[in-house]
Amino acid sequence: MSKKSKKTSPYPDDPAAAIRQKALELKFDAVGFSPAEINEQTKENLRTFLARGYHGDMGWMENRVEWRENPTAMWEDAKSIIVLGVNYGPAEPPLANLEFDDRGNISVYARNRDYHDFIKKRLKALARWMVENLDCQVKVFVDTAPVLEKVAAAQSGIGWQGKNTHLVSREHGSWLFLGEIYTSLDLKPDREEEDHCGSCNRCLTVCPTDAFPAPYVLDAKRCISYLTIEYHGHIAPEFRAPMGNRIYGCDDCIAVCPWNKFAEPTQEHLVFPRIELTAPRLADLAELDDESFRQIFSGSPIKRIGRDRFIRNVLIGLGNCGDNKVTPRIEPLLQDASPYVRAMAVWALGRLKNSAEFKALRATYAPDETDPDVLEEWTVPQPPDAGALGPCG
């Protein structure tokens, strides 16, 4: 929104207070104000992150770096950033599903509607109100532009970036969806929150794939959230067993943060978990075709990764479940149209079937395989305990 109102503002003395009040009325749980600028240390950290290739295949992070580093490069009239947060704190222990090998674990944020949709509607409602009442210009963002959201949130006093690089709030823990409004209003900034991580390293040591080379530094190429959501290729063997049953995202480094003890479960019904996404059976998910995948995940952020990459993740979960009784539901996927799916079907069956059974499959299917990545999976030696019965069923 860039249309400038000709009305005189009815809130000349404290527009920030009026914006905060209106934001709370629109069911935002956190509101903060930051200058439309980024500190030099953050700029240096961003350049180092990109130079080391820690962003992996997320080439969009390299695009418009100047916009990330300088909000006024994206919009020269920006003077302030209003950061808005919605609490999505879970009512149940977020890592409980990791104990059940036959179930898929989906990141808490993705167990219902795509948050981008409903937060954008609220941001636009607030932006319209600002244009009509505060004689200003505005632009709305919710993970849709080169905006350093967590940095802006930290500068606005909502929280601080913890050692796991996520935003941490003393009130909401690590469970906040974020959106921003850039405005031409020169608003008084809130006091930046101090770092309260102290000597705690729980978020670093819990990571299943050692994705943190140092505190406050993430190598996304090793992060399960990146691998299961952003990565378009065949997931490297070294990461498959540590993934366990995590089929979309990973909450480990968020969930163990001690500051979550102060967080309240969300009251936002749009993020209450859908029962079918709370603890879905991996074997059932493996049988989804494209149509059924789109139907089940309609309106969900999971839909954007597509059926093939999702089933790739599900097959890794099945390969980790330890029960060869599920192999009849995997075998049809050896003939799937997607090489992602076929490759991970081979890998899963190689872990679940005994040597004789796997050799029989290889004799039947491998000679017809044309994809080099899938063929390579057929040549990988089976683990010593392949074919052992486990708890999955």
Protein backbone atom coordinates (compact mmCIF):
# COMPACT_ATOMS: atom_id res chain seq x y z
CA MET A 1 0.00 0.00 0.00
CA SER A 2 1.53 3.27 -1.01
CA LYS A 3 -1.47 5.59 -1.36
CA LYS A 4 -1.04 8.58 0.90
CA SER A 5 -4.01 9.80 2.87
CA LYS A 6 -4.86 13.49 2.81
CA LYS A 7 -6.52 13.32 6.21
CA THR A 8 -5.03 14.89 9.30
CA SER A 9 -3.98 12.30 11.84
CA PRO A 10 -6.28 12.06 14.89
CA TYR A 11 -3.31 10.65 16.84
CA PRO A 12 -0.64 13.36 16.53
CA ASP A 13 0.83 12.93 20.03
CA ASP A 14 1.55 9.20 20.16
CA PRO A 15 0.92 7.34 16.90
CA ALA A 16 2.96 4.35 18.10
CA ALA A 17 0.62 3.83 21.05
CA ALA A 18 -2.38 4.01 18.73
CA ILE A 19 -0.81 1.48 16.35
CA ARG A 20 -0.02 -0.86 19.23
CA GLN A 21 -3.59 -0.68 20.52
CA LYS A 22 -5.05 -1.35 17.07
CA ALA A 23 -2.63 -4.26 16.49
CA LEU A 24 -3.72 -5.91 19.73
CA GLU A 25 -7.36 -5.46 18.70
CA LEU A 26 -6.51 -7.31 15.48
CA LYS A 27 -5.25 -10.26 17.59
CA PHE A 28 -1.53 -9.71 17.30
CA ASP A 29 0.25 -10.89 20.45
CA ALA A 30 3.47 -8.88 20.15
CA VAL A 31 4.16 -5.41 18.75
CA GLY A 32 7.48 -3.61 18.44
CA PHE A 33 8.96 -0.59 16.66
CA SER A 34 12.36 -0.45 15.02
CA PRO A 35 14.17 2.15 12.92
CA ALA A 36 14.31 1.30 9.21
CA GLU A 37 17.97 0.38 9.40
CA ILE A 38 20.12 -2.66 10.17
CA ASN A 39 23.15 -2.56 12.47
CA GLU A 40 26.63 -3.10 11.04
CA GLN A 41 27.31 -6.32 12.96
CA THR A 42 24.27 -7.95 11.42
CA LYS A 43 25.38 -6.88 7.94
CA GLU A 44 28.80 -8.44 8.53
CA ASN A 45 27.22 -11.65 9.87
CA LEU A 46 25.00 -11.90 6.79
CA ARG A 47 27.91 -11.48 4.40
CA THR A 48 29.92 -14.14 6.25
CA PHE A 49 26.94 -16.53 6.23
CA LEU A 50 26.59 -16.18 2.46
CA ALA A 51 30.33 -16.29 1.77
CA ARG A 52 30.63 -19.62 3.60
CA GLY A 53 27.74 -21.06 1.63
CA TYR A 54 25.72 -21.79 4.75
CA HIS A 55 22.53 -20.86 2.87
CA GLY A 56 22.80 -23.97 0.70
CA ASP A 57 20.47 -23.94 -2.30
CA MET A 58 18.50 -20.95 -1.03
CA GLY A 59 19.77 -18.68 -3.78
CA TRP A 60 17.08 -16.14 -3.00
CA MET A 61 19.09 -15.17 0.08
CA GLU A 62 21.84 -13.85 -2.19
CA ASN A 63 19.40 -11.86 -4.28
CA ARG A 64 18.84 -8.26 -3.24
CA VAL A 65 21.32 -8.45 -0.39
CA GLU A 66 21.41 -4.67 -0.40
CA TRP A 67 17.69 -4.67 0.44
CA ARG A 68 18.26 -6.99 3.39
CA GLU A 69 21.08 -4.82 4.67
CA ASN A 70 19.30 -1.54 4.13
CA PRO A 71 15.49 -1.30 4.25
CA THR A 72 15.57 2.13 2.62
CA ALA A 73 17.27 0.58 -0.42
CA MET A 74 14.06 -1.37 -0.94
CA TRP A 75 11.86 1.62 -0.16
CA GLU A 76 13.51 5.00 0.22
CA ASP A 77 10.61 6.52 2.18
CA ALA A 78 10.78 3.93 4.96
CA LYS A 79 11.55 5.44 8.34
CA SER A 80 10.24 2.81 10.76
CA ILE A 81 9.52 -0.91 10.87
CA ILE A 82 6.55 -2.17 12.86
CA VAL A 83 7.09 -5.81 13.79
CA LEU A 84 4.01 -7.88 14.65
CA GLY A 85 3.96 -11.34 16.21
CA VAL A 86 1.31 -14.04 16.67
CA ASN A 87 1.86 -16.67 19.35
CA TYR A 88 1.68 -20.27 18.08
CA GLY A 89 2.85 -21.98 21.25
CA PRO A 90 1.79 -25.65 21.38
CA ALA A 91 -0.41 -26.99 24.14
CA GLU A 92 1.29 -30.41 24.02
CA PRO A 93 5.03 -31.23 24.26
CA PRO A 94 6.33 -30.35 20.79
CA LEU A 95 8.80 -33.26 20.60
CA ALA A 96 6.46 -35.99 21.87
CA ASN A 97 6.05 -37.56 18.40
CA LEU A 98 9.76 -38.33 18.19
CA GLU A 99 9.15 -41.28 20.52
CA PHE A 100 6.82 -43.02 18.05
CA ASP A 101 8.76 -44.47 15.11
CA ASP A 102 5.66 -45.31 13.08
CA ARG A 103 4.40 -41.71 13.18
CA GLY A 104 5.60 -38.71 11.27
CA ASN A 105 6.74 -35.63 13.14
CA ILE A 106 5.66 -32.34 11.55
CA SER A 107 6.97 -29.03 12.83
CA VAL A 108 4.50 -27.33 15.16
CA TYR A 109 4.04 -24.32 12.89
CA ALA A 110 2.83 -26.49 9.99
CA ARG A 111 0.14 -28.56 11.72
CA ASN A 112 -2.70 -26.36 10.48
CA ARG A 113 -3.18 -23.45 8.10
CA ASP A 114 -0.35 -21.60 6.38
CA TYR A 115 0.30 -18.71 8.73
CA HIS A 116 1.31 -16.40 5.88
CA ASP A 117 -2.30 -16.20 4.75
CA PHE A 118 -4.06 -15.10 7.91
CA ILE A 119 -1.21 -12.91 9.16
CA LYS A 120 -1.09 -11.03 5.86
CA LYS A 121 -4.82 -10.29 6.15
CA ARG A 122 -4.29 -8.82 9.62
CA LEU A 123 -1.26 -6.84 8.49
CA LYS A 124 -3.25 -5.37 5.63
CA ALA A 125 -6.09 -4.48 7.98
CA LEU A 126 -3.66 -2.64 10.26
CA ALA A 127 -1.98 -0.98 7.29
CA ARG A 128 -5.31 0.29 5.95
CA TRP A 129 -6.16 1.70 9.36
CA MET A 130 -2.78 3.47 9.48
CA VAL A 131 -3.25 5.03 6.05
CA GLU A 132 -6.74 6.23 6.95
CA ASN A 133 -5.84 7.58 10.39
CA LEU A 134 -2.16 8.49 10.51
CA ASP A 135 -1.50 10.21 7.19
CA CYS A 136 1.29 7.84 6.17
CA GLN A 137 2.52 5.41 3.57
CA VAL A 138 3.00 1.71 4.30
CA LYS A 139 4.26 -1.56 2.83
CA VAL A 140 3.34 -4.97 4.23
CA PHE A 141 5.60 -8.05 4.42
CA VAL A 142 5.22 -11.53 5.81
CA ASP A 143 8.18 -13.60 4.63
CA THR A 144 7.56 -12.25 1.12
CA ALA A 145 10.50 -9.87 0.53
CA PRO A 146 14.19 -9.49 1.39
CA VAL A 147 13.47 -8.53 5.01
CA LEU A 148 15.58 -9.66 7.97
CA GLU A 149 12.55 -10.42 10.11
CA LYS A 150 14.27 -11.78 13.21
CA VAL A 151 16.76 -8.92 13.20
CA ALA A 152 13.98 -6.34 12.99
CA ALA A 153 12.10 -8.16 15.77
CA ALA A 154 15.19 -8.07 17.98
CA GLN A 155 15.76 -4.38 17.24
CA SER A 156 12.10 -3.69 18.08
CA GLY A 157 12.38 -5.23 21.56
CA ILE A 158 10.13 -8.24 20.90
CA GLY A 159 12.97 -10.63 21.70
CA TRP A 160 16.56 -11.49 20.85
CA GLN A 161 18.22 -13.87 18.41
CA GLY A 162 19.34 -16.85 20.43
CA LYS A 163 22.32 -19.11 19.88
CA ASN A 164 20.18 -21.18 17.50
CA THR A 165 19.58 -17.97 15.44
CA HIS A 166 15.84 -18.10 16.22
CA LEU A 167 14.00 -15.27 17.89
CA VAL A 168 13.47 -15.80 21.63
CA SER A 169 10.93 -13.81 23.61
CA ARG A 170 10.79 -13.61 27.39
CA GLU A 171 7.00 -13.71 27.13
CA HIS A 172 6.38 -16.08 24.22
CA GLY A 173 9.52 -18.20 24.18
CA SER A 174 10.38 -19.31 20.63
CA TRP A 175 6.82 -19.56 19.33
CA LEU A 176 6.08 -16.40 17.34
CA PHE A 177 4.99 -15.94 13.74
CA LEU A 178 6.32 -12.62 12.45
CA GLY A 179 5.15 -9.99 9.98
CA GLU A 180 6.26 -6.43 9.30
CA ILE A 181 4.89 -3.10 8.18
CA TYR A 182 7.36 -0.59 6.76
CA THR A 183 6.06 2.93 7.16
CA SER A 184 6.97 6.51 6.32
CA LEU A 185 6.14 7.45 9.91
CA ASP A 186 9.13 8.29 12.06
CA LEU A 187 8.06 6.34 15.14
CA LYS A 188 9.89 6.23 18.43
CA PRO A 189 11.70 2.86 18.51
CA ASP A 190 11.29 0.44 21.37
CA ARG A 191 14.30 -0.50 23.43
CA GLU A 192 16.24 -3.38 21.91
CA GLU A 193 16.03 -6.58 24.00
CA GLU A 194 19.22 -7.85 25.62
CA ASP A 195 20.55 -11.33 24.94
CA HIS A 196 19.46 -13.62 27.79
CA CYS A 197 20.95 -16.91 26.55
CA GLY A 198 23.78 -16.77 29.10
CA SER A 199 25.86 -19.94 29.28
CA CYS A 200 23.02 -22.20 28.08
CA ASN A 201 23.84 -24.33 25.02
CA ARG A 202 20.86 -26.70 24.96
CA CYS A 203 19.77 -25.62 21.50
CA LEU A 204 23.23 -26.30 20.10
CA THR A 205 23.82 -29.71 21.64
CA VAL A 206 20.34 -31.12 20.88
CA CYS A 207 20.67 -30.66 17.10
CA PRO A 208 20.54 -34.14 15.50
CA THR A 209 22.75 -33.13 12.55
CA ASP A 210 25.24 -30.75 14.23
CA ALA A 211 24.02 -27.79 12.17
CA PHE A 212 25.61 -25.15 14.42
CA PRO A 213 29.34 -24.65 13.76
CA ALA A 214 29.34 -22.02 16.52
CA PRO A 215 26.84 -20.23 18.77
CA TYR A 216 24.66 -17.84 16.76
CA VAL A 217 25.81 -19.49 13.50
CA LEU A 218 23.65 -21.92 11.48
CA ASP A 219 24.88 -24.03 8.58
CA ALA A 220 21.52 -24.49 6.86
CA LYS A 221 22.91 -27.26 4.65
CA ARG A 222 22.96 -29.50 7.73
CA CYS A 223 19.64 -28.36 9.18
CA ILE A 224 16.72 -30.80 9.05
CA SER A 225 14.26 -27.97 8.47
CA TYR A 226 16.24 -26.93 5.40
CA LEU A 227 16.69 -30.50 4.18
CA THR A 228 13.02 -31.45 4.48
CA ILE A 229 11.51 -28.15 3.29
CA GLU A 230 13.90 -26.11 1.16
CA TYR A 231 16.23 -28.70 -0.35
CA HIS A 232 15.27 -30.03 -3.77
CA GLY A 233 17.84 -32.83 -4.14
CA HIS A 234 18.56 -36.29 -2.76
CA ILE A 235 19.25 -35.94 0.96
CA ALA A 236 22.79 -37.08 1.77
CA PRO A 237 23.09 -40.45 3.59
CA GLU A 238 24.79 -38.89 6.61
CA PHE A 239 21.61 -36.98 7.48
CA ARG A 240 19.00 -39.70 6.94
CA ALA A 241 19.34 -41.68 10.17
CA PRO A 242 19.57 -38.50 12.34
CA MET A 243 16.34 -37.27 10.73
CA GLY A 244 14.44 -40.05 12.50
CA ASN A 245 10.74 -39.50 11.81
CA ARG A 246 11.01 -35.75 11.14
CA ILE A 247 9.23 -35.42 7.81
CA TYR A 248 8.62 -31.67 7.66
CA GLY A 249 10.79 -29.30 9.65
CA CYS A 250 12.44 -29.75 13.02
CA ASP A 251 11.63 -28.09 16.35
CA ASP A 252 14.38 -29.58 18.51
CA CYS A 253 16.53 -26.48 18.96
CA ILE A 254 13.43 -24.35 19.56
CA ALA A 255 11.62 -26.71 21.90
CA VAL A 256 14.48 -27.19 24.39
CA CYS A 257 14.92 -23.47 25.05
CA PRO A 258 14.35 -22.82 28.79
CA TRP A 259 12.54 -19.57 27.99
CA ASN A 260 9.62 -21.58 26.65
CA LYS A 261 8.55 -22.26 30.23
CA PHE A 262 7.11 -18.73 30.27
CA ALA A 263 5.18 -19.23 27.02
CA GLU A 264 1.41 -19.73 27.03
CA PRO A 265 -0.30 -22.07 24.54
CA THR A 266 -1.76 -20.18 21.61
CA GLN A 267 -5.38 -19.09 21.66
CA GLU A 268 -5.37 -18.67 17.89
CA HIS A 269 -7.74 -21.29 16.49
CA LEU A 270 -6.17 -21.07 13.03
CA VAL A 271 -3.03 -22.74 14.33
CA PHE A 272 -4.64 -25.36 16.55
CA PRO A 273 -3.23 -28.65 15.21
CA ARG A 274 -5.37 -30.64 12.79
CA ILE A 275 -5.78 -34.16 14.13
CA GLU A 276 -4.58 -35.73 10.86
CA LEU A 277 -1.34 -33.72 11.02
CA THR A 278 -0.62 -34.23 14.71
CA ALA A 279 0.80 -37.76 14.53
CA PRO A 280 0.14 -39.23 11.06
CA ARG A 281 1.13 -42.81 10.29
CA LEU A 282 4.15 -42.88 8.01
CA ALA A 283 2.94 -45.94 6.13
CA ASP A 284 -0.35 -44.19 5.30
CA LEU A 285 1.43 -41.07 4.08
CA ALA A 286 3.68 -43.15 1.82
CA GLU A 287 0.67 -44.17 -0.25
CA LEU A 288 -0.38 -40.62 -1.18
CA ASP A 289 -0.48 -39.82 -4.87
CA ASP A 290 -0.35 -36.24 -6.10
CA GLU A 291 -4.11 -35.70 -5.97
CA SER A 292 -4.56 -37.06 -2.45
CA PHE A 293 -1.48 -35.14 -1.27
CA ARG A 294 -2.95 -31.88 -2.55
CA GLN A 295 -6.31 -32.65 -0.99
CA ILE A 296 -4.97 -33.49 2.47
CA PHE A 297 -2.56 -30.56 2.58
CA SER A 298 -4.80 -27.93 1.03
CA GLY A 299 -4.18 -24.67 2.84
CA SER A 300 -1.13 -26.12 4.58
CA PRO A 301 2.45 -24.87 4.17
CA ILE A 302 3.40 -28.50 3.50
CA LYS A 303 1.67 -28.32 0.13
CA ARG A 304 4.34 -26.01 -1.28
CA ILE A 305 7.11 -28.64 -1.22
CA GLY A 306 5.05 -30.95 -3.44
CA ARG A 307 4.18 -34.61 -3.15
CA ASP A 308 7.52 -36.01 -4.39
CA ARG A 309 9.77 -34.28 -1.87
CA PHE A 310 7.28 -34.97 0.90
CA ILE A 311 7.21 -38.71 0.13
CA ARG A 312 11.02 -38.59 -0.03
CA ASN A 313 10.98 -37.40 3.58
CA VAL A 314 8.34 -39.95 4.60
CA LEU A 315 10.41 -42.82 3.18
CA ILE A 316 13.40 -41.72 5.21
CA GLY A 317 11.17 -41.88 8.28
CA LEU A 318 10.03 -45.38 7.32
CA GLY A 319 13.62 -46.47 6.75
CA ASN A 320 14.35 -45.38 10.31
CA CYS A 321 11.36 -47.14 11.88
CA GLY A 322 13.07 -50.55 12.15
CA ASP A 323 10.10 -52.75 11.25
CA ASN A 324 10.12 -54.81 8.06
CA LYS A 325 6.35 -55.34 8.27
CA VAL A 326 5.85 -52.02 6.45
CA THR A 327 7.91 -53.04 3.41
CA PRO A 328 4.88 -54.16 1.32
CA ARG A 329 3.66 -50.56 1.44
CA ILE A 330 7.06 -49.27 0.29
CA GLU A 331 7.77 -51.67 -2.55
CA PRO A 332 5.26 -50.14 -5.03
CA LEU A 333 7.24 -46.88 -4.80
CA LEU A 334 10.22 -48.56 -6.49
CA GLN A 335 8.29 -47.84 -9.69
CA ASP A 336 7.23 -44.30 -8.79
CA ALA A 337 7.64 -41.61 -11.44
CA SER A 338 9.85 -39.51 -9.17
CA PRO A 339 13.54 -40.43 -8.78
CA TYR A 340 13.46 -38.79 -5.31
CA VAL A 341 10.83 -41.29 -4.27
CA ARG A 342 12.41 -44.31 -5.95
CA ALA A 343 15.82 -43.58 -4.42
CA MET A 344 14.49 -43.33 -0.88
CA ALA A 345 12.29 -46.39 -1.39
CA VAL A 346 15.48 -48.32 -2.20
CA TRP A 347 17.23 -46.87 0.84
CA ALA A 348 14.33 -47.66 3.18
CA LEU A 349 13.97 -51.23 1.90
CA GLY A 350 17.71 -51.74 2.21
CA ARG A 351 17.42 -50.96 5.91
CA LEU A 352 14.28 -52.98 6.53
CA LYS A 353 14.73 -56.15 4.45
CA ASN A 354 17.24 -58.93 5.05
CA SER A 355 20.04 -59.57 2.56
CA ALA A 356 18.26 -62.25 0.52
CA GLU A 357 15.07 -60.22 0.21
CA PHE A 358 16.95 -57.10 -0.86
CA LYS A 359 18.99 -58.99 -3.46
CA ALA A 360 15.77 -60.33 -4.96
CA LEU A 361 14.37 -56.80 -5.22
CA ARG A 362 17.57 -55.55 -6.81
CA ALA A 363 17.47 -58.30 -9.43
CA THR A 364 13.92 -57.29 -10.33
CA TYR A 365 14.07 -53.50 -10.29
CA ALA A 366 17.66 -52.27 -10.62
CA PRO A 367 18.21 -53.42 -14.22
CA ASP A 368 15.38 -51.14 -15.38
CA GLU A 369 16.52 -48.09 -13.44
CA THR A 370 17.81 -45.17 -15.49
CA ASP A 371 18.46 -42.49 -12.85
CA PRO A 372 22.08 -42.58 -11.61
CA ASP A 373 21.15 -41.46 -8.09
CA VAL A 374 18.65 -44.30 -7.76
CA LEU A 375 21.11 -46.82 -9.18
CA GLU A 376 23.67 -45.67 -6.63
CA GLU A 377 21.25 -46.45 -3.79
CA TRP A 378 21.05 -50.07 -5.00
CA THR A 379 24.83 -50.42 -4.56
CA VAL A 380 25.04 -49.15 -0.97
CA PRO A 381 25.84 -51.97 1.51
CA GLN A 382 23.01 -52.80 3.88
CA PRO A 383 23.47 -52.02 7.58
CA PRO A 384 24.37 -55.06 9.75
CA ASP A 385 20.97 -55.07 11.47
CA ALA A 386 18.90 -54.78 8.27
CA GLY A 387 15.63 -56.69 8.47
CA ALA A 388 15.38 -56.59 12.27
CA LEU A 389 11.89 -56.16 13.66
CA GLY A 390 11.17 -52.91 15.47
CA PRO A 391 8.24 -50.99 16.95
CA CYS A 392 6.94 -49.57 13.69
CA GLY A 393 3.75 -51.08 12.30
